[in-house]
């Protein structure tokens, strides 16, 4: 009976987190006349085969993590979001969409290499096809032609690759600006960044141009995430974000 109550409580907790946070990873995306269902909709996150980890998440650095969470809130509210809102105000909708498509296309580079490292031939082939089509016919990814051709988009990173090969999460970790993570995923950011940087270097861009591109990518990414700090109306937001992030990453690796 206690187990049933515990599972019910975890279901309610996670459902509330999903609805409250409203992150882009759980929101449908419309491409033309077709609505693309999210990889992890509320139905999927609350499915019976999902194991909830609220009592098992290692958080030995909770003091630091909560301080960093508050820092990220202030950075987001007073610096990042004003820039993002200004960008959205002055950028026409079609151009904003094209820029977002462009950066998603760049993201396929890391997905390609991580798909190889995971020995996933299907994802490797599909990601290669997406990148080639969108980089040529789609004008460097500005237009998402591959999706119109029903070529699925995959999102793989080195943290997922490590998880695929059995590396555990490690302690929960809130990173400056980047937000919720863990030791495994934090380490995984390094090879992902090196691969991305190597590709950008091959384009012959100058240092200033690379910095501008990175800043633009950060603005675009934040503009497409609906989450706003401390707007859930609950004092338990830190714990909810931790639970939602950890559960989602578990599902990322298992898919």
C-alpha atoms as a PDB file:
ATOM      1  CA  UNK A   1       0.000   0.000   0.000  1.00  0.00           C
ATOM      2  CA  UNK A   2       2.815   2.377   0.875  1.00  0.00           C
ATOM      3  CA  UNK A   3       4.497   1.574  -2.457  1.00  0.00           C
ATOM      4  CA  UNK A   4       1.303   2.403  -4.348  1.00  0.00           C
ATOM      5  CA  UNK A   5       0.969   5.721  -2.524  1.00  0.00           C
ATOM      6  CA  UNK A   6       4.611   6.506  -3.228  1.00  0.00           C
ATOM      7  CA  UNK A   7       4.248   5.796  -6.951  1.00  0.00           C
ATOM      8  CA  UNK A   8       1.074   7.881  -7.100  1.00  0.00           C
ATOM      9  CA  UNK A   9       2.815  10.790  -5.386  1.00  0.00           C
ATOM     10  CA  UNK A  10       5.708  10.581  -7.834  1.00  0.00           C
ATOM     11  CA  UNK A  11       3.292  10.551 -10.789  1.00  0.00           C
ATOM     12  CA  UNK A  12       1.527  13.648  -9.459  1.00  0.00           C
ATOM     13  CA  UNK A  13       4.846  15.380  -8.758  1.00  0.00           C
ATOM     14  CA  UNK A  14       6.230  14.759 -12.222  1.00  0.00           C
ATOM     15  CA  UNK A  15       2.970  15.664 -13.963  1.00  0.00           C
ATOM     16  CA  UNK A  16       2.909  18.978 -12.114  1.00  0.00           C
ATOM     17  CA  UNK A  17       6.532  19.608 -13.050  1.00  0.00           C
ATOM     18  CA  UNK A  18       5.899  18.913 -16.721  1.00  0.00           C
ATOM     19  CA  UNK A  19       2.869  21.188 -16.832  1.00  0.00           C
ATOM     20  CA  UNK A  20       4.502  23.909 -14.773  1.00  0.00           C
ATOM     21  CA  UNK A  21       7.880  24.041 -16.436  1.00  0.00           C
ATOM     22  CA  UNK A  22       6.558  23.856 -19.981  1.00  0.00           C
ATOM     23  CA  UNK A  23      10.024  23.286 -21.461  1.00  0.00           C
ATOM     24  CA  UNK A  24      10.341  23.070 -25.225  1.00  0.00           C
ATOM     25  CA  UNK A  25      11.283  19.395 -25.070  1.00  0.00           C
ATOM     26  CA  UNK A  26       7.754  18.588 -23.914  1.00  0.00           C
ATOM     27  CA  UNK A  27       5.888  20.898 -26.297  1.00  0.00           C
ATOM     28  CA  UNK A  28       4.548  19.926 -29.741  1.00  0.00           C
ATOM     29  CA  UNK A  29       6.178  21.579 -32.742  1.00  0.00           C
ATOM     30  CA  UNK A  30       4.296  22.494 -35.884  1.00  0.00           C
ATOM     31  CA  UNK A  31       6.087  22.127 -39.198  1.00  0.00           C
ATOM     32  CA  UNK A  32       3.860  23.387 -41.980  1.00  0.00           C
ATOM     33  CA  UNK A  33       0.464  21.741 -41.569  1.00  0.00           C
ATOM     34  CA  UNK A  34       1.874  18.852 -39.534  1.00  0.00           C
ATOM     35  CA  UNK A  35       2.110  18.882 -35.760  1.00  0.00           C
ATOM     36  CA  UNK A  36       5.198  16.954 -34.634  1.00  0.00           C
ATOM     37  CA  UNK A  37       4.647  15.360 -31.254  1.00  0.00           C
ATOM     38  CA  UNK A  38       7.405  15.968 -28.676  1.00  0.00           C
ATOM     39  CA  UNK A  39       9.883  13.227 -27.893  1.00  0.00           C
ATOM     40  CA  UNK A  40       8.742  13.280 -24.298  1.00  0.00           C
ATOM     41  CA  UNK A  41       5.146  14.426 -24.031  1.00  0.00           C
ATOM     42  CA  UNK A  42       3.328  14.268 -20.703  1.00  0.00           C
ATOM     43  CA  UNK A  43       1.845  10.910 -21.705  1.00  0.00           C
ATOM     44  CA  UNK A  44       5.302   9.490 -22.398  1.00  0.00           C
ATOM     45  CA  UNK A  45       6.893  10.909 -19.263  1.00  0.00           C
ATOM     46  CA  UNK A  46       4.101   9.443 -17.141  1.00  0.00           C
ATOM     47  CA  UNK A  47       4.060   6.088 -18.899  1.00  0.00           C
ATOM     48  CA  UNK A  48       4.050   2.953 -16.757  1.00  0.00           C
ATOM     49  CA  UNK A  49       7.507   1.847 -17.908  1.00  0.00           C
ATOM     50  CA  UNK A  50       9.198   4.964 -16.505  1.00  0.00           C
ATOM     51  CA  UNK A  51      11.045   4.569 -13.217  1.00  0.00           C
ATOM     52  CA  UNK A  52      10.944   7.704 -11.089  1.00  0.00           C
ATOM     53  CA  UNK A  53      14.077   8.662  -9.232  1.00  0.00           C
ATOM     54  CA  UNK A  54      13.080  11.329  -6.722  1.00  0.00           C
ATOM     55  CA  UNK A  55      14.484   9.346  -3.783  1.00  0.00           C
ATOM     56  CA  UNK A  56      17.574   8.152  -5.628  1.00  0.00           C
ATOM     57  CA  UNK A  57      19.066  11.329  -7.117  1.00  0.00           C
ATOM     58  CA  UNK A  58      22.476  11.991  -5.604  1.00  0.00           C
ATOM     59  CA  UNK A  59      22.798  15.671  -4.664  1.00  0.00           C
ATOM     60  CA  UNK A  60      25.768  15.973  -2.272  1.00  0.00           C
ATOM     61  CA  UNK A  61      26.473  19.538  -3.478  1.00  0.00           C
ATOM     62  CA  UNK A  62      22.959  20.785  -2.843  1.00  0.00           C
ATOM     63  CA  UNK A  63      24.133  23.990  -1.167  1.00  0.00           C
ATOM     64  CA  UNK A  64      26.274  24.931  -4.150  1.00  0.00           C
ATOM     65  CA  UNK A  65      23.592  23.811  -6.592  1.00  0.00           C
ATOM     66  CA  UNK A  66      20.885  25.912  -4.962  1.00  0.00           C
ATOM     67  CA  UNK A  67      23.181  28.942  -4.945  1.00  0.00           C
ATOM     68  CA  UNK A  68      23.946  28.388  -8.613  1.00  0.00           C
ATOM     69  CA  UNK A  69      20.230  27.973  -9.317  1.00  0.00           C
ATOM     70  CA  UNK A  70      19.592  31.399  -7.782  1.00  0.00           C
ATOM     71  CA  UNK A  71      22.502  32.874  -9.746  1.00  0.00           C
ATOM     72  CA  UNK A  72      21.069  31.462 -12.974  1.00  0.00           C
ATOM     73  CA  UNK A  73      17.700  32.990 -12.102  1.00  0.00           C
ATOM     74  CA  UNK A  74      19.224  36.454 -11.736  1.00  0.00           C
ATOM     75  CA  UNK A  75      21.381  36.078 -14.843  1.00  0.00           C
ATOM     76  CA  UNK A  76      18.345  34.922 -16.799  1.00  0.00           C
ATOM     77  CA  UNK A  77      15.995  37.631 -15.538  1.00  0.00           C
ATOM     78  CA  UNK A  78      18.255  40.669 -15.630  1.00  0.00           C
ATOM     79  CA  UNK A  79      20.554  39.909 -18.567  1.00  0.00           C
ATOM     80  CA  UNK A  80      19.699  36.932 -20.740  1.00  0.00           C
ATOM     81  CA  UNK A  81      15.925  37.311 -21.119  1.00  0.00           C
ATOM     82  CA  UNK A  82      16.052  41.055 -21.908  1.00  0.00           C
ATOM     83  CA  UNK A  83      18.479  40.253 -24.734  1.00  0.00           C
ATOM     84  CA  UNK A  84      16.299  37.364 -25.914  1.00  0.00           C
ATOM     85  CA  UNK A  85      13.140  39.491 -25.793  1.00  0.00           C
ATOM     86  CA  UNK A  86      14.879  42.244 -27.753  1.00  0.00           C
ATOM     87  CA  UNK A  87      15.986  39.709 -30.348  1.00  0.00           C
ATOM     88  CA  UNK A  88      12.453  38.338 -30.705  1.00  0.00           C
ATOM     89  CA  UNK A  89      11.030  41.855 -30.977  1.00  0.00           C
ATOM     90  CA  UNK A  90      13.260  43.026 -33.823  1.00  0.00           C
ATOM     91  CA  UNK A  91      13.538  39.735 -35.717  1.00  0.00           C
ATOM     92  CA  UNK A  92      10.766  38.846 -38.200  1.00  0.00           C
ATOM     93  CA  UNK A  93       9.140  35.500 -37.509  1.00  0.00           C
ATOM     94  CA  UNK A  94      10.312  33.824 -40.700  1.00  0.00           C
ATOM     95  CA  UNK A  95      13.893  34.936 -40.053  1.00  0.00           C
ATOM     96  CA  UNK A  96      13.805  33.762 -36.442  1.00  0.00           C
ATOM     97  CA  UNK A  97      12.536  30.368 -37.614  1.00  0.00           C
ATOM     98  CA  UNK A  98      15.243  30.156 -40.258  1.00  0.00           C
ATOM     99  CA  UNK A  99      17.966  30.986 -37.728  1.00  0.00           C
ATOM    100  CA  UNK A 100      16.613  28.312 -35.403  1.00  0.00           C
ATOM    101  CA  UNK A 101      16.649  25.779 -38.255  1.00  0.00           C
ATOM    102  CA  UNK A 102      20.233  26.777 -39.049  1.00  0.00           C
ATOM    103  CA  UNK A 103      21.411  26.017 -35.512  1.00  0.00           C
ATOM    104  CA  UNK A 104      19.439  22.781 -35.363  1.00  0.00           C
ATOM    105  CA  UNK A 105      21.269  21.780 -38.529  1.00  0.00           C
ATOM    106  CA  UNK A 106      24.613  22.514 -36.862  1.00  0.00           C
ATOM    107  CA  UNK A 107      23.487  20.391 -33.933  1.00  0.00           C
ATOM    108  CA  UNK A 108      23.181  17.417 -36.272  1.00  0.00           C
ATOM    109  CA  UNK A 109      26.986  17.330 -36.407  1.00  0.00           C
ATOM    110  CA  UNK A 110      27.252  16.198 -32.787  1.00  0.00           C
ATOM    111  CA  UNK A 111      24.320  13.857 -33.259  1.00  0.00           C
ATOM    112  CA  UNK A 112      26.132  12.259 -36.203  1.00  0.00           C
ATOM    113  CA  UNK A 113      29.328  11.550 -34.251  1.00  0.00           C
ATOM    114  CA  UNK A 114      27.498  10.357 -31.145  1.00  0.00           C
ATOM    115  CA  UNK A 115      25.295   8.067 -33.235  1.00  0.00           C
ATOM    116  CA  UNK A 116      28.467   6.461 -34.582  1.00  0.00           C
ATOM    117  CA  UNK A 117      29.879   6.082 -31.061  1.00  0.00           C
ATOM    118  CA  UNK A 118      26.631   4.395 -30.035  1.00  0.00           C
ATOM    119  CA  UNK A 119      26.849   2.048 -33.024  1.00  0.00           C
ATOM    120  CA  UNK A 120      23.428   3.161 -34.194  1.00  0.00           C
ATOM    121  CA  UNK A 121      23.433   2.808 -37.965  1.00  0.00           C
ATOM    122  CA  UNK A 122      19.879   4.062 -38.468  1.00  0.00           C
ATOM    123  CA  UNK A 123      20.433   7.330 -36.617  1.00  0.00           C
ATOM    124  CA  UNK A 124      23.786   7.820 -38.332  1.00  0.00           C
ATOM    125  CA  UNK A 125      22.321   7.422 -41.815  1.00  0.00           C
ATOM    126  CA  UNK A 126      19.256   9.552 -41.110  1.00  0.00           C
ATOM    127  CA  UNK A 127      21.292  12.310 -39.492  1.00  0.00           C
ATOM    128  CA  UNK A 128      23.731  12.307 -42.415  1.00  0.00           C
ATOM    129  CA  UNK A 129      20.827  12.572 -44.827  1.00  0.00           C
ATOM    130  CA  UNK A 130      19.276  15.434 -42.868  1.00  0.00           C
ATOM    131  CA  UNK A 131      22.500  17.392 -42.728  1.00  0.00           C
ATOM    132  CA  UNK A 132      23.311  16.974 -46.419  1.00  0.00           C
ATOM    133  CA  UNK A 133      19.803  17.869 -47.595  1.00  0.00           C
ATOM    134  CA  UNK A 134      19.357  20.849 -45.286  1.00  0.00           C
ATOM    135  CA  UNK A 135      22.879  22.148 -45.872  1.00  0.00           C
ATOM    136  CA  UNK A 136      22.391  22.168 -49.655  1.00  0.00           C
ATOM    137  CA  UNK A 137      18.759  22.364 -50.721  1.00  0.00           C
ATOM    138  CA  UNK A 138      17.857  23.984 -47.411  1.00  0.00           C
ATOM    139  CA  UNK A 139      20.470  26.734 -47.793  1.00  0.00           C
ATOM    140  CA  UNK A 140      22.795  25.861 -44.896  1.00  0.00           C
ATOM    141  CA  UNK A 141      19.851  24.645 -42.841  1.00  0.00           C
ATOM    142  CA  UNK A 142      17.798  27.850 -43.016  1.00  0.00           C
ATOM    143  CA  UNK A 143      14.969  25.748 -44.420  1.00  0.00           C
ATOM    144  CA  UNK A 144      14.201  22.372 -42.859  1.00  0.00           C
ATOM    145  CA  UNK A 145      13.690  20.499 -46.110  1.00  0.00           C
ATOM    146  CA  UNK A 146      14.554  17.126 -44.538  1.00  0.00           C
ATOM    147  CA  UNK A 147      11.550  17.232 -42.204  1.00  0.00           C
ATOM    148  CA  UNK A 148       9.284  17.845 -45.179  1.00  0.00           C
ATOM    149  CA  UNK A 149      10.800  14.695 -46.646  1.00  0.00           C
ATOM    150  CA  UNK A 150       9.906  12.842 -43.423  1.00  0.00           C
ATOM    151  CA  UNK A 151      13.529  12.332 -42.402  1.00  0.00           C
ATOM    152  CA  UNK A 152      13.410  12.247 -38.569  1.00  0.00           C
ATOM    153  CA  UNK A 153      15.629  14.451 -36.436  1.00  0.00           C
ATOM    154  CA  UNK A 154      17.614  12.790 -33.646  1.00  0.00           C
ATOM    155  CA  UNK A 155      19.350  14.551 -30.794  1.00  0.00           C
ATOM    156  CA  UNK A 156      22.350  12.755 -29.339  1.00  0.00           C
ATOM    157  CA  UNK A 157      25.141  14.135 -27.172  1.00  0.00           C
ATOM    158  CA  UNK A 158      28.204  12.674 -25.507  1.00  0.00           C
ATOM    159  CA  UNK A 159      26.449  12.481 -22.148  1.00  0.00           C
ATOM    160  CA  UNK A 160      23.939  10.133 -23.771  1.00  0.00           C
ATOM    161  CA  UNK A 161      26.779   8.197 -25.379  1.00  0.00           C
ATOM    162  CA  UNK A 162      28.447   7.692 -22.001  1.00  0.00           C
ATOM    163  CA  UNK A 163      25.114   6.592 -20.573  1.00  0.00           C
ATOM    164  CA  UNK A 164      24.626   4.197 -23.483  1.00  0.00           C
ATOM    165  CA  UNK A 165      27.906   2.499 -22.545  1.00  0.00           C
ATOM    166  CA  UNK A 166      26.885   2.170 -18.916  1.00  0.00           C
ATOM    167  CA  UNK A 167      28.363   5.281 -17.295  1.00  0.00           C
ATOM    168  CA  UNK A 168      26.173   6.412 -14.411  1.00  0.00           C
ATOM    169  CA  UNK A 169      24.783   9.900 -13.885  1.00  0.00           C
ATOM    170  CA  UNK A 170      27.023  10.809 -10.982  1.00  0.00           C
ATOM    171  CA  UNK A 171      25.915  13.549  -8.591  1.00  0.00           C
ATOM    172  CA  UNK A 172      23.390  16.143  -9.712  1.00  0.00           C
ATOM    173  CA  UNK A 173      25.014  19.420 -10.739  1.00  0.00           C
ATOM    174  CA  UNK A 174      23.650  22.858 -11.600  1.00  0.00           C
ATOM    175  CA  UNK A 175      25.985  24.542 -14.075  1.00  0.00           C
ATOM    176  CA  UNK A 176      26.425  28.318 -14.430  1.00  0.00           C
ATOM    177  CA  UNK A 177      23.989  29.653 -17.059  1.00  0.00           C
ATOM    178  CA  UNK A 178      23.527  26.157 -18.572  1.00  0.00           C
ATOM    179  CA  UNK A 179      21.354  24.976 -15.707  1.00  0.00           C
ATOM    180  CA  UNK A 180      20.541  21.418 -14.537  1.00  0.00           C
ATOM    181  CA  UNK A 181      23.040  18.678 -15.327  1.00  0.00           C
ATOM    182  CA  UNK A 182      25.053  15.957 -13.628  1.00  0.00           C
ATOM    183  CA  UNK A 183      28.714  14.990 -13.567  1.00  0.00           C
ATOM    184  CA  UNK A 184      28.421  12.632 -16.554  1.00  0.00           C
ATOM    185  CA  UNK A 185      26.566  15.143 -18.728  1.00  0.00           C
ATOM    186  CA  UNK A 186      28.836  17.973 -17.616  1.00  0.00           C
ATOM    187  CA  UNK A 187      31.903  16.005 -18.707  1.00  0.00           C
ATOM    188  CA  UNK A 188      30.103  15.159 -21.941  1.00  0.00           C
ATOM    189  CA  UNK A 189      29.872  18.847 -22.842  1.00  0.00           C
ATOM    190  CA  UNK A 190      33.626  18.943 -23.449  1.00  0.00           C
ATOM    191  CA  UNK A 191      33.932  16.478 -26.383  1.00  0.00           C
ATOM    192  CA  UNK A 192      30.696  17.840 -27.871  1.00  0.00           C
ATOM    193  CA  UNK A 193      32.164  21.325 -27.813  1.00  0.00           C
ATOM    194  CA  UNK A 194      35.464  20.136 -29.280  1.00  0.00           C
ATOM    195  CA  UNK A 195      33.687  18.446 -32.198  1.00  0.00           C
ATOM    196  CA  UNK A 196      31.554  21.515 -32.823  1.00  0.00           C
ATOM    197  CA  UNK A 197      34.565  23.851 -32.606  1.00  0.00           C
ATOM    198  CA  UNK A 198      36.583  21.692 -34.991  1.00  0.00           C
ATOM    199  CA  UNK A 199      33.781  21.871 -37.553  1.00  0.00           C
ATOM    200  CA  UNK A 200      33.493  25.665 -37.190  1.00  0.00           C
ATOM    201  CA  UNK A 201      37.275  25.988 -37.612  1.00  0.00           C
ATOM    202  CA  UNK A 202      37.019  24.087 -40.897  1.00  0.00           C
ATOM    203  CA  UNK A 203      34.707  26.813 -42.172  1.00  0.00           C
ATOM    204  CA  UNK A 204      37.569  29.282 -41.890  1.00  0.00           C
ATOM    205  CA  UNK A 205      35.770  31.642 -39.541  1.00  0.00           C
ATOM    206  CA  UNK A 206      37.728  34.258 -37.620  1.00  0.00           C
ATOM    207  CA  UNK A 207      37.747  34.293 -33.824  1.00  0.00           C
ATOM    208  CA  UNK A 208      35.344  37.215 -33.633  1.00  0.00           C
ATOM    209  CA  UNK A 209      32.953  35.528 -36.024  1.00  0.00           C
ATOM    210  CA  UNK A 210      33.032  32.327 -33.974  1.00  0.00           C
ATOM    211  CA  UNK A 211      32.230  34.282 -30.807  1.00  0.00           C
ATOM    212  CA  UNK A 212      29.342  36.047 -32.547  1.00  0.00           C
ATOM    213  CA  UNK A 213      28.032  32.716 -33.840  1.00  0.00           C
ATOM    214  CA  UNK A 214      28.182  31.178 -30.360  1.00  0.00           C
ATOM    215  CA  UNK A 215      26.372  34.134 -28.807  1.00  0.00           C
ATOM    216  CA  UNK A 216      23.698  33.990 -31.486  1.00  0.00           C
ATOM    217  CA  UNK A 217      23.276  30.269 -30.918  1.00  0.00           C
ATOM    218  CA  UNK A 218      22.839  30.831 -27.163  1.00  0.00           C
ATOM    219  CA  UNK A 219      20.194  33.506 -27.761  1.00  0.00           C
ATOM    220  CA  UNK A 220      18.342  31.295 -30.225  1.00  0.00           C
ATOM    221  CA  UNK A 221      18.393  28.350 -27.839  1.00  0.00           C
ATOM    222  CA  UNK A 222      17.033  30.393 -24.928  1.00  0.00           C
ATOM    223  CA  UNK A 223      14.382  31.931 -27.172  1.00  0.00           C
ATOM    224  CA  UNK A 224      13.046  28.443 -27.858  1.00  0.00           C
ATOM    225  CA  UNK A 225      12.825  27.284 -24.236  1.00  0.00           C
ATOM    226  CA  UNK A 226       9.590  28.260 -22.494  1.00  0.00           C
ATOM    227  CA  UNK A 227      10.818  27.675 -18.935  1.00  0.00           C
ATOM    228  CA  UNK A 228      11.045  30.727 -16.658  1.00  0.00           C
ATOM    229  CA  UNK A 229      12.630  30.539 -13.225  1.00  0.00           C
ATOM    230  CA  UNK A 230      10.348  30.826 -10.189  1.00  0.00           C
ATOM    231  CA  UNK A 231       7.123  30.958 -12.178  1.00  0.00           C
ATOM    232  CA  UNK A 232       5.873  27.539 -11.069  1.00  0.00           C
ATOM    233  CA  UNK A 233       4.258  28.997  -7.947  1.00  0.00           C
ATOM    234  CA  UNK A 234       5.840  26.405  -5.665  1.00  0.00           C
ATOM    235  CA  UNK A 235       8.700  26.473  -3.136  1.00  0.00           C
ATOM    236  CA  UNK A 236       9.762  23.033  -4.385  1.00  0.00           C
ATOM    237  CA  UNK A 237      10.808  24.155  -7.869  1.00  0.00           C
ATOM    238  CA  UNK A 238      14.457  23.177  -7.373  1.00  0.00           C
ATOM    239  CA  UNK A 239      13.471  19.588  -6.537  1.00  0.00           C
ATOM    240  CA  UNK A 240      10.991  19.405  -9.399  1.00  0.00           C
ATOM    241  CA  UNK A 241      13.552  20.574 -11.934  1.00  0.00           C
ATOM    242  CA  UNK A 242      16.047  18.052 -10.570  1.00  0.00           C
ATOM    243  CA  UNK A 243      13.509  15.234 -10.872  1.00  0.00           C
ATOM    244  CA  UNK A 244      12.335  16.253 -14.330  1.00  0.00           C
ATOM    245  CA  UNK A 245      15.877  16.638 -15.682  1.00  0.00           C
ATOM    246  CA  UNK A 246      17.078  13.314 -14.273  1.00  0.00           C
ATOM    247  CA  UNK A 247      14.030  11.408 -15.508  1.00  0.00           C
ATOM    248  CA  UNK A 248      14.218  12.953 -18.968  1.00  0.00           C
ATOM    249  CA  UNK A 249      17.915  12.147 -19.318  1.00  0.00           C
ATOM    250  CA  UNK A 250      17.232   8.559 -18.325  1.00  0.00           C
ATOM    251  CA  UNK A 251      14.676   8.392 -21.112  1.00  0.00           C
ATOM    252  CA  UNK A 252      17.066  10.103 -23.565  1.00  0.00           C
ATOM    253  CA  UNK A 253      19.543   7.277 -23.061  1.00  0.00           C
ATOM    254  CA  UNK A 254      16.969   4.504 -23.212  1.00  0.00           C
ATOM    255  CA  UNK A 255      15.245   5.644 -26.418  1.00  0.00           C
END
